[in-house]
Amino acid sequence: MTLRIPWIARLLITALALSGSACAAEVPAVTIRTEAYPRPPYSEATYYIYERDGKIICTKLAVCDKYDQCDIEYHAGTFVDSQDQKTGKPYHVTAAVLIPVGKRAKHQCLAKFVPDAL
């Protein structure tokens, strides 16, 4: 027994599929990358930089000691602490990685400063 779908049903299914992909295309891509700076003694400042359309939308700063105890700050837009500006270039940089839409709510920086990215 073969299942026959009328042409109008096929047309509706195709229209729904296309409208769903159009809505998915409207969600802007948000990426995250990191930069690390040394902090004496035995600590490190890691900046988590969130970008959308090539622009920095918020920055998370985590300063961790050798026991992995961290102080965390969130800043809207671009931020580099004056202590790290004196250091110069970061010693470790990661490439930007796309954050899936379903996981964006877990990122406090986005929730605080860019709710439309969620």
PDB file of N, CA and C in Angstrom:
ATOM      1  N   MET A   1       0.839  -1.165   0.000  1.00  0.00           N
ATOM      2  CA  MET A   1       0.000   0.000   0.000  1.00  0.00           C
ATOM      3  C   MET A   1       0.893   1.241   0.000  1.00  0.00           C
ATOM      4  N   THR A   2       0.688   2.101  -0.942  1.00  0.00           N
ATOM      5  CA  THR A   2       1.479   3.327  -1.033  1.00  0.00           C
ATOM      6  C   THR A   2       0.682   4.481  -0.456  1.00  0.00           C
ATOM      7  N   LEU A   3       1.400   5.385   0.183  1.00  0.00           N
ATOM      8  CA  LEU A   3       0.781   6.559   0.768  1.00  0.00           C
ATOM      9  C   LEU A   3       0.826   7.683  -0.253  1.00  0.00           C
ATOM     10  N   ARG A   4      -0.327   8.248  -0.530  1.00  0.00           N
ATOM     11  CA  ARG A   4      -0.397   9.334  -1.508  1.00  0.00           C
ATOM     12  C   ARG A   4      -0.742  10.624  -0.773  1.00  0.00           C
ATOM     13  N   ILE A   5       0.094  11.627  -0.969  1.00  0.00           N
ATOM     14  CA  ILE A   5      -0.126  12.926  -0.355  1.00  0.00           C
ATOM     15  C   ILE A   5      -0.601  13.878  -1.437  1.00  0.00           C
ATOM     16  N   PRO A   6      -1.730  14.520  -1.228  1.00  0.00           N
ATOM     17  CA  PRO A   6      -2.232  15.457  -2.232  1.00  0.00           C
ATOM     18  C   PRO A   6      -1.252  16.611  -2.441  1.00  0.00           C
ATOM     19  N   TRP A   7      -1.305  17.207  -3.624  1.00  0.00           N
ATOM     20  CA  TRP A   7      -0.359  18.269  -3.965  1.00  0.00           C
ATOM     21  C   TRP A   7      -0.479  19.479  -3.052  1.00  0.00           C
ATOM     22  N   ILE A   8      -1.662  19.766  -2.547  1.00  0.00           N
ATOM     23  CA  ILE A   8      -1.836  20.910  -1.654  1.00  0.00           C
ATOM     24  C   ILE A   8      -1.130  20.666  -0.317  1.00  0.00           C
ATOM     25  N   ALA A   9      -1.155  19.430   0.156  1.00  0.00           N
ATOM     26  CA  ALA A   9      -0.467  19.086   1.398  1.00  0.00           C
ATOM     27  C   ALA A   9       1.045  19.227   1.214  1.00  0.00           C
ATOM     28  N   ARG A  10       1.566  18.796   0.069  1.00  0.00           N
ATOM     29  CA  ARG A  10       2.995  18.957  -0.221  1.00  0.00           C
ATOM     30  C   ARG A  10       3.374  20.431  -0.257  1.00  0.00           C
ATOM     31  N   LEU A  11       2.511  21.236  -0.852  1.00  0.00           N
ATOM     32  CA  LEU A  11       2.764  22.669  -0.938  1.00  0.00           C
ATOM     33  C   LEU A  11       2.808  23.300   0.457  1.00  0.00           C
ATOM     34  N   LEU A  12       1.883  22.921   1.320  1.00  0.00           N
ATOM     35  CA  LEU A  12       1.860  23.445   2.688  1.00  0.00           C
ATOM     36  C   LEU A  12       3.086  23.009   3.487  1.00  0.00           C
ATOM     37  N   ILE A  13       3.486  21.774   3.351  1.00  0.00           N
ATOM     38  CA  ILE A  13       4.670  21.265   4.051  1.00  0.00           C
ATOM     39  C   ILE A  13       5.915  22.018   3.591  1.00  0.00           C
ATOM     40  N   THR A  14       6.032  22.237   2.289  1.00  0.00           N
ATOM     41  CA  THR A  14       7.174  22.972   1.749  1.00  0.00           C
ATOM     42  C   THR A  14       7.180  24.417   2.260  1.00  0.00           C
ATOM     43  N   ALA A  15       6.017  25.056   2.286  1.00  0.00           N
ATOM     44  CA  ALA A  15       5.924  26.438   2.764  1.00  0.00           C
ATOM     45  C   ALA A  15       6.308  26.533   4.237  1.00  0.00           C
ATOM     46  N   LEU A  16       5.862  25.590   5.053  1.00  0.00           N
ATOM     47  CA  LEU A  16       6.220  25.592   6.473  1.00  0.00           C
ATOM     48  C   LEU A  16       7.715  25.368   6.672  1.00  0.00           C
ATOM     49  N   ALA A  17       8.291  24.476   5.909  1.00  0.00           N
ATOM     50  CA  ALA A  17       9.725  24.216   6.015  1.00  0.00           C
ATOM     51  C   ALA A  17      10.533  25.458   5.634  1.00  0.00           C
ATOM     52  N   LEU A  18      10.119  26.142   4.590  1.00  0.00           N
ATOM     53  CA  LEU A  18      10.832  27.347   4.158  1.00  0.00           C
ATOM     54  C   LEU A  18      10.675  28.480   5.160  1.00  0.00           C
ATOM     55  N   SER A  19       9.496  28.632   5.751  1.00  0.00           N
ATOM     56  CA  SER A  19       9.303  29.705   6.730  1.00  0.00           C
ATOM     57  C   SER A  19      10.115  29.430   7.993  1.00  0.00           C
ATOM     58  N   GLY A  20      10.244  28.177   8.364  1.00  0.00           N
ATOM     59  CA  GLY A  20      11.059  27.828   9.532  1.00  0.00           C
ATOM     60  C   GLY A  20      12.516  28.114   9.303  1.00  0.00           C
ATOM     61  N   SER A  21      13.026  27.847   8.103  1.00  0.00           N
ATOM     62  CA  SER A  21      14.428  28.133   7.819  1.00  0.00           C
ATOM     63  C   SER A  21      14.666  29.624   7.708  1.00  0.00           C
ATOM     64  N   ALA A  22      13.682  30.384   7.281  1.00  0.00           N
ATOM     65  CA  ALA A  22      13.827  31.840   7.208  1.00  0.00           C
ATOM     66  C   ALA A  22      13.918  32.434   8.606  1.00  0.00           C
ATOM     67  N   CYS A  23      13.141  31.908   9.549  1.00  0.00           N
ATOM     68  CA  CYS A  23      13.203  32.393  10.925  1.00  0.00           C
ATOM     69  C   CYS A  23      14.543  32.050  11.559  1.00  0.00           C
ATOM     70  N   ALA A  24      15.072  30.885  11.260  1.00  0.00           N
ATOM     71  CA  ALA A  24      16.356  30.483  11.806  1.00  0.00           C
ATOM     72  C   ALA A  24      17.478  31.354  11.271  1.00  0.00           C
ATOM     73  N   ALA A  25      17.345  31.841  10.063  1.00  0.00           N
ATOM     74  CA  ALA A  25      18.385  32.670   9.470  1.00  0.00           C
ATOM     75  C   ALA A  25      18.419  34.063  10.094  1.00  0.00           C
ATOM     76  N   GLU A  26      17.328  34.509  10.731  1.00  0.00           N
ATOM     77  CA  GLU A  26      17.262  35.834  11.318  1.00  0.00           C
ATOM     78  C   GLU A  26      18.030  35.930  12.635  1.00  0.00           C
ATOM     79  N   VAL A  27      18.306  34.829  13.298  1.00  0.00           N
ATOM     80  CA  VAL A  27      19.013  34.848  14.569  1.00  0.00           C
ATOM     81  C   VAL A  27      20.480  35.200  14.304  1.00  0.00           C
ATOM     82  N   PRO A  28      20.981  36.299  14.912  1.00  0.00           N
ATOM     83  CA  PRO A  28      22.363  36.698  14.659  1.00  0.00           C
ATOM     84  C   PRO A  28      23.349  35.721  15.298  1.00  0.00           C
ATOM     85  N   ALA A  29      24.451  35.513  14.624  1.00  0.00           N
ATOM     86  CA  ALA A  29      25.491  34.622  15.130  1.00  0.00           C
ATOM     87  C   ALA A  29      26.248  35.315  16.253  1.00  0.00           C
ATOM     88  N   VAL A  30      26.425  34.609  17.372  1.00  0.00           N
ATOM     89  CA  VAL A  30      27.202  35.115  18.499  1.00  0.00           C
ATOM     90  C   VAL A  30      28.366  34.154  18.706  1.00  0.00           C
ATOM     91  N   THR A  31      29.579  34.719  18.786  1.00  0.00           N
ATOM     92  CA  THR A  31      30.769  33.899  18.985  1.00  0.00           C
ATOM     93  C   THR A  31      31.451  34.292  20.289  1.00  0.00           C
ATOM     94  N   ILE A  32      32.298  33.397  20.758  1.00  0.00           N
ATOM     95  CA  ILE A  32      33.093  33.649  21.964  1.00  0.00           C
ATOM     96  C   ILE A  32      34.534  33.259  21.675  1.00  0.00           C
ATOM     97  N   ARG A  33      35.457  34.076  22.176  1.00  0.00           N
ATOM     98  CA  ARG A  33      36.879  33.774  22.086  1.00  0.00           C
ATOM     99  C   ARG A  33      37.526  34.188  23.399  1.00  0.00           C
ATOM    100  N   THR A  34      38.745  33.744  23.651  1.00  0.00           N
ATOM    101  CA  THR A  34      39.414  34.078  24.903  1.00  0.00           C
ATOM    102  C   THR A  34      40.776  34.700  24.645  1.00  0.00           C
ATOM    103  N   GLU A  35      41.187  35.514  25.606  1.00  0.00           N
ATOM    104  CA  GLU A  35      42.534  36.072  25.645  1.00  0.00           C
ATOM    105  C   GLU A  35      43.013  35.945  27.084  1.00  0.00           C
ATOM    106  N   ALA A  36      44.263  35.500  27.280  1.00  0.00           N
ATOM    107  CA  ALA A  36      44.802  35.301  28.623  1.00  0.00           C
ATOM    108  C   ALA A  36      46.037  36.172  28.837  1.00  0.00           C
ATOM    109  N   TYR A  37      46.106  36.759  30.030  1.00  0.00           N
ATOM    110  CA  TYR A  37      47.228  37.599  30.430  1.00  0.00           C
ATOM    111  C   TYR A  37      47.788  37.065  31.744  1.00  0.00           C
ATOM    112  N   PRO A  38      49.111  37.126  31.931  1.00  0.00           N
ATOM    113  CA  PRO A  38      49.687  36.691  33.208  1.00  0.00           C
ATOM    114  C   PRO A  38      49.429  37.737  34.293  1.00  0.00           C
ATOM    115  N   ARG A  39      49.224  37.269  35.510  1.00  0.00           N
ATOM    116  CA  ARG A  39      49.075  38.154  36.666  1.00  0.00           C
ATOM    117  C   ARG A  39      49.970  37.620  37.788  1.00  0.00           C
ATOM    118  N   PRO A  40      50.851  38.445  38.307  1.00  0.00           N
ATOM    119  CA  PRO A  40      51.707  37.958  39.401  1.00  0.00           C
ATOM    120  C   PRO A  40      50.929  37.921  40.709  1.00  0.00           C
ATOM    121  N   PRO A  41      51.217  37.132  41.672  1.00  0.00           N
ATOM    122  CA  PRO A  41      52.045  35.937  41.562  1.00  0.00           C
ATOM    123  C   PRO A  41      51.191  34.719  41.232  1.00  0.00           C
ATOM    124  N   TYR A  42      51.588  33.954  40.287  1.00  0.00           N
ATOM    125  CA  TYR A  42      50.970  32.674  39.929  1.00  0.00           C
ATOM    126  C   TYR A  42      49.481  32.752  39.618  1.00  0.00           C
ATOM    127  N   SER A  43      49.049  33.791  38.971  1.00  0.00           N
ATOM    128  CA  SER A  43      47.644  33.887  38.612  1.00  0.00           C
ATOM    129  C   SER A  43      47.526  34.309  37.151  1.00  0.00           C
ATOM    130  N   GLU A  44      46.293  34.351  36.668  1.00  0.00           N
ATOM    131  CA  GLU A  44      46.052  34.611  35.257  1.00  0.00           C
ATOM    132  C   GLU A  44      44.720  35.329  35.101  1.00  0.00           C
ATOM    133  N   ALA A  45      44.677  36.255  34.157  1.00  0.00           N
ATOM    134  CA  ALA A  45      43.432  36.934  33.809  1.00  0.00           C
ATOM    135  C   ALA A  45      42.989  36.406  32.452  1.00  0.00           C
ATOM    136  N   THR A  46      41.784  35.857  32.403  1.00  0.00           N
ATOM    137  CA  THR A  46      41.240  35.351  31.145  1.00  0.00           C
ATOM    138  C   THR A  46      40.021  36.177  30.782  1.00  0.00           C
ATOM    139  N   TYR A  47      40.044  36.718  29.576  1.00  0.00           N
ATOM    140  CA  TYR A  47      38.923  37.502  29.064  1.00  0.00           C
ATOM    141  C   TYR A  47      38.127  36.619  28.109  1.00  0.00           C
ATOM    142  N   TYR A  48      36.823  36.502  28.353  1.00  0.00           N
ATOM    143  CA  TYR A  48      35.912  35.795  27.461  1.00  0.00           C
ATOM    144  C   TYR A  48      35.191  36.883  26.673  1.00  0.00           C
ATOM    145  N   ILE A  49      35.461  36.959  25.394  1.00  0.00           N
ATOM    146  CA  ILE A  49      34.979  38.056  24.566  1.00  0.00           C
ATOM    147  C   ILE A  49      33.860  37.556  23.663  1.00  0.00           C
ATOM    148  N   TYR A  50      32.682  38.147  23.829  1.00  0.00           N
ATOM    149  CA  TYR A  50      31.500  37.771  23.057  1.00  0.00           C
ATOM    150  C   TYR A  50      31.339  38.768  21.905  1.00  0.00           C
ATOM    151  N   GLU A  51      31.159  38.250  20.694  1.00  0.00           N
ATOM    152  CA  GLU A  51      31.048  39.098  19.514  1.00  0.00           C
ATOM    153  C   GLU A  51      29.809  38.742  18.704  1.00  0.00           C
ATOM    154  N   ARG A  52      29.226  39.767  18.083  1.00  0.00           N
ATOM    155  CA  ARG A  52      28.119  39.579  17.148  1.00  0.00           C
ATOM    156  C   ARG A  52      28.378  40.501  15.967  1.00  0.00           C
ATOM    157  N   ASP A  53      28.341  39.956  14.769  1.00  0.00           N
ATOM    158  CA  ASP A  53      28.593  40.713  13.544  1.00  0.00           C
ATOM    159  C   ASP A  53      29.943  41.423  13.588  1.00  0.00           C
ATOM    160  N   GLY A  54      30.948  40.783  14.181  1.00  0.00           N
ATOM    161  CA  GLY A  54      32.296  41.347  14.234  1.00  0.00           C
ATOM    162  C   GLY A  54      32.497  42.418  15.289  1.00  0.00           C
ATOM    163  N   LYS A  55      31.483  42.706  16.105  1.00  0.00           N
ATOM    164  CA  LYS A  55      31.583  43.727  17.148  1.00  0.00           C
ATOM    165  C   LYS A  55      31.510  43.068  18.519  1.00  0.00           C
ATOM    166  N   ILE A  56      32.326  43.549  19.445  1.00  0.00           N
ATOM    167  CA  ILE A  56      32.326  43.012  20.805  1.00  0.00           C
ATOM    168  C   ILE A  56      31.092  43.527  21.525  1.00  0.00           C
ATOM    169  N   ILE A  57      30.286  42.600  22.059  1.00  0.00           N
ATOM    170  CA  ILE A  57      29.048  42.997  22.734  1.00  0.00           C
ATOM    171  C   ILE A  57      29.167  42.943  24.255  1.00  0.00           C
ATOM    172  N   CYS A  58      30.014  42.061  24.779  1.00  0.00           N
ATOM    173  CA  CYS A  58      30.276  42.044  26.214  1.00  0.00           C
ATOM    174  C   CYS A  58      31.545  41.246  26.491  1.00  0.00           C
ATOM    175  N   THR A  59      32.105  41.486  27.687  1.00  0.00           N
ATOM    176  CA  THR A  59      33.361  40.846  28.068  1.00  0.00           C
ATOM    177  C   THR A  59      33.234  40.313  29.487  1.00  0.00           C
ATOM    178  N   LYS A  60      33.666  39.066  29.676  1.00  0.00           N
ATOM    179  CA  LYS A  60      33.718  38.454  31.007  1.00  0.00           C
ATOM    180  C   LYS A  60      35.190  38.346  31.389  1.00  0.00           C
ATOM    181  N   LEU A  61      35.543  38.831  32.570  1.00  0.00           N
ATOM    182  CA  LEU A  61      36.910  38.747  33.065  1.00  0.00           C
ATOM    183  C   LEU A  61      36.953  37.791  34.238  1.00  0.00           C
ATOM    184  N   ALA A  62      37.790  36.773  34.143  1.00  0.00           N
ATOM    185  CA  ALA A  62      37.996  35.817  35.237  1.00  0.00           C
ATOM    186  C   ALA A  62      39.464  35.874  35.638  1.00  0.00           C
ATOM    187  N   VAL A  63      39.725  36.294  36.873  1.00  0.00           N
ATOM    188  CA  VAL A  63      41.087  36.333  37.403  1.00  0.00           C
ATOM    189  C   VAL A  63      41.202  35.178  38.383  1.00  0.00           C
ATOM    190  N   CYS A  64      42.042  34.191  38.025  1.00  0.00           N
ATOM    191  CA  CYS A  64      42.148  32.964  38.816  1.00  0.00           C
ATOM    192  C   CYS A  64      43.558  32.817  39.388  1.00  0.00           C
ATOM    193  N   ASP A  65      43.643  32.321  40.635  1.00  0.00           N
ATOM    194  CA  ASP A  65      44.941  32.083  41.240  1.00  0.00           C
ATOM    195  C   ASP A  65      45.393  30.646  40.993  1.00  0.00           C
ATOM    196  N   LYS A  66      46.526  30.288  41.557  1.00  0.00           N
ATOM    197  CA  LYS A  66      47.067  28.948  41.299  1.00  0.00           C
ATOM    198  C   LYS A  66      46.213  27.827  41.880  1.00  0.00           C
ATOM    199  N   TYR A  67      45.254  28.151  42.740  1.00  0.00           N
ATOM    200  CA  TYR A  67      44.349  27.156  43.311  1.00  0.00           C
ATOM    201  C   TYR A  67      43.017  27.128  42.578  1.00  0.00           C
ATOM    202  N   ASP A  68      42.946  27.781  41.425  1.00  0.00           N
ATOM    203  CA  ASP A  68      41.733  27.876  40.600  1.00  0.00           C
ATOM    204  C   ASP A  68      40.574  28.552  41.317  1.00  0.00           C
ATOM    205  N   GLN A  69      40.874  29.479  42.215  1.00  0.00           N
ATOM    206  CA  GLN A  69      39.858  30.312  42.833  1.00  0.00           C
ATOM    207  C   GLN A  69      39.771  31.573  41.983  1.00  0.00           C
ATOM    208  N   CYS A  70      38.588  31.880  41.506  1.00  0.00           N
ATOM    209  CA  CYS A  70      38.441  32.950  40.516  1.00  0.00           C
ATOM    210  C   CYS A  70      37.512  34.060  40.993  1.00  0.00           C
ATOM    211  N   ASP A  71      37.864  35.280  40.613  1.00  0.00           N
ATOM    212  CA  ASP A  71      36.995  36.442  40.748  1.00  0.00           C
ATOM    213  C   ASP A  71      36.496  36.766  39.347  1.00  0.00           C
ATOM    214  N   ILE A  72      35.176  36.950  39.209  1.00  0.00           N
ATOM    215  CA  ILE A  72      34.594  37.141  37.883  1.00  0.00           C
ATOM    216  C   ILE A  72      33.882  38.484  37.823  1.00  0.00           C
ATOM    217  N   GLU A  73      34.115  39.199  36.721  1.00  0.00           N
ATOM    218  CA  GLU A  73      33.451  40.475  36.458  1.00  0.00           C
ATOM    219  C   GLU A  73      32.866  40.432  35.048  1.00  0.00           C
ATOM    220  N   TYR A  74      31.752  41.136  34.853  1.00  0.00           N
ATOM    221  CA  TYR A  74      31.135  41.248  33.542  1.00  0.00           C
ATOM    222  C   TYR A  74      31.104  42.720  33.142  1.00  0.00           C
ATOM    223  N   HIS A  75      31.392  42.992  31.872  1.00  0.00           N
ATOM    224  CA  HIS A  75      31.419  44.359  31.363  1.00  0.00           C
ATOM    225  C   HIS A  75      30.736  44.413  30.000  1.00  0.00           C
ATOM    226  N   ALA A  76      29.948  45.453  29.786  1.00  0.00           N
ATOM    227  CA  ALA A  76      29.333  45.656  28.475  1.00  0.00           C
ATOM    228  C   ALA A  76      30.393  46.141  27.504  1.00  0.00           C
ATOM    229  N   GLY A  77      30.367  45.630  26.302  1.00  0.00           N
ATOM    230  CA  GLY A  77      31.311  46.058  25.267  1.00  0.00           C
ATOM    231  C   GLY A  77      32.732  45.596  25.533  1.00  0.00           C
ATOM    232  N   THR A  78      33.682  46.371  25.035  1.00  0.00           N
ATOM    233  CA  THR A  78      35.102  46.039  25.154  1.00  0.00           C
ATOM    234  C   THR A  78      35.617  46.451  26.528  1.00  0.00           C
ATOM    235  N   PHE A  79      36.411  45.575  27.147  1.00  0.00           N
ATOM    236  CA  PHE A  79      37.024  45.891  28.436  1.00  0.00           C
ATOM    237  C   PHE A  79      38.349  45.168  28.562  1.00  0.00           C
ATOM    238  N   VAL A  80      39.390  45.904  28.957  1.00  0.00           N
ATOM    239  CA  VAL A  80      40.678  45.324  29.324  1.00  0.00           C
ATOM    240  C   VAL A  80      41.157  46.093  30.548  1.00  0.00           C
ATOM    241  N   ASP A  81      41.428  45.399  31.634  1.00  0.00           N
ATOM    242  CA  ASP A  81      41.875  46.014  32.872  1.00  0.00           C
ATOM    243  C   ASP A  81      43.191  46.755  32.636  1.00  0.00           C
ATOM    244  N   SER A  82      43.401  47.832  33.374  1.00  0.00           N
ATOM    245  CA  SER A  82      44.617  48.635  33.182  1.00  0.00           C
ATOM    246  C   SER A  82      45.879  47.831  33.445  1.00  0.00           C
ATOM    247  N   GLN A  83      45.828  46.892  34.391  1.00  0.00           N
ATOM    248  CA  GLN A  83      46.983  46.043  34.676  1.00  0.00           C
ATOM    249  C   GLN A  83      47.352  45.198  33.457  1.00  0.00           C
ATOM    250  N   ASP A  84      46.352  44.725  32.728  1.00  0.00           N
ATOM    251  CA  ASP A  84      46.622  43.901  31.548  1.00  0.00           C
ATOM    252  C   ASP A  84      47.001  44.760  30.345  1.00  0.00           C
ATOM    253  N   GLN A  85      46.544  45.995  30.301  1.00  0.00           N
ATOM    254  CA  GLN A  85      46.948  46.905  29.228  1.00  0.00           C
ATOM    255  C   GLN A  85      48.444  47.168  29.303  1.00  0.00           C
ATOM    256  N   LYS A  86      48.971  47.266  30.529  1.00  0.00           N
ATOM    257  CA  LYS A  86      50.410  47.493  30.725  1.00  0.00           C
ATOM    258  C   LYS A  86      51.221  46.290  30.252  1.00  0.00           C
ATOM    259  N   THR A  87      50.648  45.093  30.382  1.00  0.00           N
ATOM    260  CA  THR A  87      51.344  43.861  29.976  1.00  0.00           C
ATOM    261  C   THR A  87      51.567  43.825  28.470  1.00  0.00           C
ATOM    262  N   GLY A  88      50.636  44.386  27.727  1.00  0.00           N
ATOM    263  CA  GLY A  88      50.738  44.373  26.265  1.00  0.00           C
ATOM    264  C   GLY A  88      49.825  43.327  25.664  1.00  0.00           C
ATOM    265  N   LYS A  89      50.357  42.579  24.733  1.00  0.00           N
ATOM    266  CA  LYS A  89      49.559  41.565  24.042  1.00  0.00           C
ATOM    267  C   LYS A  89      49.326  40.347  24.935  1.00  0.00           C
ATOM    268  N   PRO A  90      48.170  39.677  24.764  1.00  0.00           N
ATOM    269  CA  PRO A  90      47.924  38.458  25.542  1.00  0.00           C
ATOM    270  C   PRO A  90      48.885  37.353  25.130  1.00  0.00           C
ATOM    271  N   TYR A  91      49.188  36.456  26.064  1.00  0.00           N
ATOM    272  CA  TYR A  91      50.099  35.358  25.739  1.00  0.00           C
ATOM    273  C   TYR A  91      49.372  34.146  25.173  1.00  0.00           C
ATOM    274  N   HIS A  92      48.057  34.101  25.309  1.00  0.00           N
ATOM    275  CA  HIS A  92      47.297  32.974  24.752  1.00  0.00           C
ATOM    276  C   HIS A  92      45.964  33.500  24.223  1.00  0.00           C
ATOM    277  N   VAL A  93      45.663  33.203  22.970  1.00  0.00           N
ATOM    278  CA  VAL A  93      44.425  33.644  22.331  1.00  0.00           C
ATOM    279  C   VAL A  93      43.792  32.440  21.641  1.00  0.00           C
ATOM    280  N   THR A  94      42.473  32.281  21.808  1.00  0.00           N
ATOM    281  CA  THR A  94      41.774  31.201  21.104  1.00  0.00           C
ATOM    282  C   THR A  94      40.942  31.798  19.972  1.00  0.00           C
ATOM    283  N   ALA A  95      40.646  30.979  19.001  1.00  0.00           N
ATOM    284  CA  ALA A  95      39.807  31.400  17.875  1.00  0.00           C
ATOM    285  C   ALA A  95      38.357  31.511  18.318  1.00  0.00           C
ATOM    286  N   ALA A  96      37.600  32.333  17.623  1.00  0.00           N
ATOM    287  CA  ALA A  96      36.180  32.512  17.927  1.00  0.00           C
ATOM    288  C   ALA A  96      35.398  31.245  17.594  1.00  0.00           C
ATOM    289  N   VAL A  97      34.482  30.882  18.503  1.00  0.00           N
ATOM    290  CA  VAL A  97      33.649  29.692  18.352  1.00  0.00           C
ATOM    291  C   VAL A  97      32.186  30.127  18.420  1.00  0.00           C
ATOM    292  N   LEU A  98      31.369  29.608  17.537  1.00  0.00           N
ATOM    293  CA  LEU A  98      29.949  29.942  17.495  1.00  0.00           C
ATOM    294  C   LEU A  98      29.227  29.348  18.704  1.00  0.00           C
ATOM    295  N   ILE A  99      28.393  30.157  19.357  1.00  0.00           N
ATOM    296  CA  ILE A  99      27.583  29.682  20.486  1.00  0.00           C
ATOM    297  C   ILE A  99      26.210  29.310  19.938  1.00  0.00           C
ATOM    298  N   PRO A 100      25.792  28.046  20.071  1.00  0.00           N
ATOM    299  CA  PRO A 100      24.462  27.658  19.596  1.00  0.00           C
ATOM    300  C   PRO A 100      23.372  28.439  20.331  1.00  0.00           C
ATOM    301  N   VAL A 101      22.284  28.720  19.656  1.00  0.00           N
ATOM    302  CA  VAL A 101      21.186  29.507  20.221  1.00  0.00           C
ATOM    303  C   VAL A 101      20.673  28.876  21.514  1.00  0.00           C
ATOM    304  N   GLY A 102      20.558  27.574  21.569  1.00  0.00           N
ATOM    305  CA  GLY A 102      20.040  26.891  22.748  1.00  0.00           C
ATOM    306  C   GLY A 102      20.937  26.986  23.969  1.00  0.00           C
ATOM    307  N   LYS A 103      22.210  27.318  23.795  1.00  0.00           N
ATOM    308  CA  LYS A 103      23.143  27.385  24.920  1.00  0.00           C
ATOM    309  C   LYS A 103      23.468  28.818  25.340  1.00  0.00           C
ATOM    310  N   ARG A 104      22.916  29.793  24.671  1.00  0.00           N
ATOM    311  CA  ARG A 104      23.234  31.187  24.981  1.00  0.00           C
ATOM    312  C   ARG A 104      22.724  31.634  26.344  1.00  0.00           C
ATOM    313  N   ALA A 105      21.615  31.086  26.794  1.00  0.00           N
ATOM    314  CA  ALA A 105      21.045  31.493  28.083  1.00  0.00           C
ATOM    315  C   ALA A 105      21.964  31.131  29.247  1.00  0.00           C
ATOM    316  N   LYS A 106      22.865  30.188  29.061  1.00  0.00           N
ATOM    317  CA  LYS A 106      23.796  29.785  30.115  1.00  0.00           C
ATOM    318  C   LYS A 106      24.928  30.797  30.290  1.00  0.00           C
ATOM    319  N   HIS A 107      25.105  31.694  29.346  1.00  0.00           N
ATOM    320  CA  HIS A 107      26.195  32.669  29.395  1.00  0.00           C
ATOM    321  C   HIS A 107      25.693  33.941  30.086  1.00  0.00           C
ATOM    322  N   GLN A 108      26.165  34.182  31.315  1.00  0.00           N
ATOM    323  CA  GLN A 108      25.715  35.310  32.123  1.00  0.00           C
ATOM    324  C   GLN A 108      25.992  36.654  31.464  1.00  0.00           C
ATOM    325  N   CYS A 109      27.093  36.759  30.745  1.00  0.00           N
ATOM    326  CA  CYS A 109      27.442  38.012  30.082  1.00  0.00           C
ATOM    327  C   CYS A 109      26.346  38.408  29.092  1.00  0.00           C
ATOM    328  N   LEU A 110      25.868  37.459  28.328  1.00  0.00           N
ATOM    329  CA  LEU A 110      24.798  37.739  27.368  1.00  0.00           C
ATOM    330  C   LEU A 110      23.496  38.050  28.085  1.00  0.00           C
ATOM    331  N   ALA A 111      23.193  37.309  29.146  1.00  0.00           N
ATOM    332  CA  ALA A 111      21.948  37.516  29.877  1.00  0.00           C
ATOM    333  C   ALA A 111      21.890  38.903  30.522  1.00  0.00           C
ATOM    334  N   LYS A 112      23.044  39.404  30.995  1.00  0.00           N
ATOM    335  CA  LYS A 112      23.074  40.696  31.672  1.00  0.00           C
ATOM    336  C   LYS A 112      23.044  41.871  30.703  1.00  0.00           C
ATOM    337  N   PHE A 113      23.795  41.777  29.614  1.00  0.00           N
ATOM    338  CA  PHE A 113      23.999  42.938  28.768  1.00  0.00           C
ATOM    339  C   PHE A 113      23.357  42.868  27.400  1.00  0.00           C
ATOM    340  N   VAL A 114      23.074  41.661  26.886  1.00  0.00           N
ATOM    341  CA  VAL A 114      22.548  41.529  25.524  1.00  0.00           C
ATOM    342  C   VAL A 114      21.399  40.528  25.507  1.00  0.00           C
ATOM    343  N   PRO A 115      20.283  40.830  26.162  1.00  0.00           N
ATOM    344  CA  PRO A 115      19.185  39.858  26.223  1.00  0.00           C
ATOM    345  C   PRO A 115      18.606  39.522  24.860  1.00  0.00           C
ATOM    346  N   ASP A 116      18.731  40.428  23.871  1.00  0.00           N
ATOM    347  CA  ASP A 116      18.195  40.124  22.541  1.00  0.00           C
ATOM    348  C   ASP A 116      19.021  39.059  21.817  1.00  0.00           C
ATOM    349  N   ALA A 117      20.211  38.738  22.320  1.00  0.00           N
ATOM    350  CA  ALA A 117      21.025  37.689  21.711  1.00  0.00           C
ATOM    351  C   ALA A 117      20.587  36.302  22.149  1.00  0.00           C
ATOM    352  N   LEU A 118      19.764  36.235  23.193  1.00  0.00           N
ATOM    353  CA  LEU A 118      19.309  34.943  23.685  1.00  0.00           C
ATOM    354  C   LEU A 118      18.204  34.434  22.793  1.00  0.00           C
TER     355      LEU A 118
END
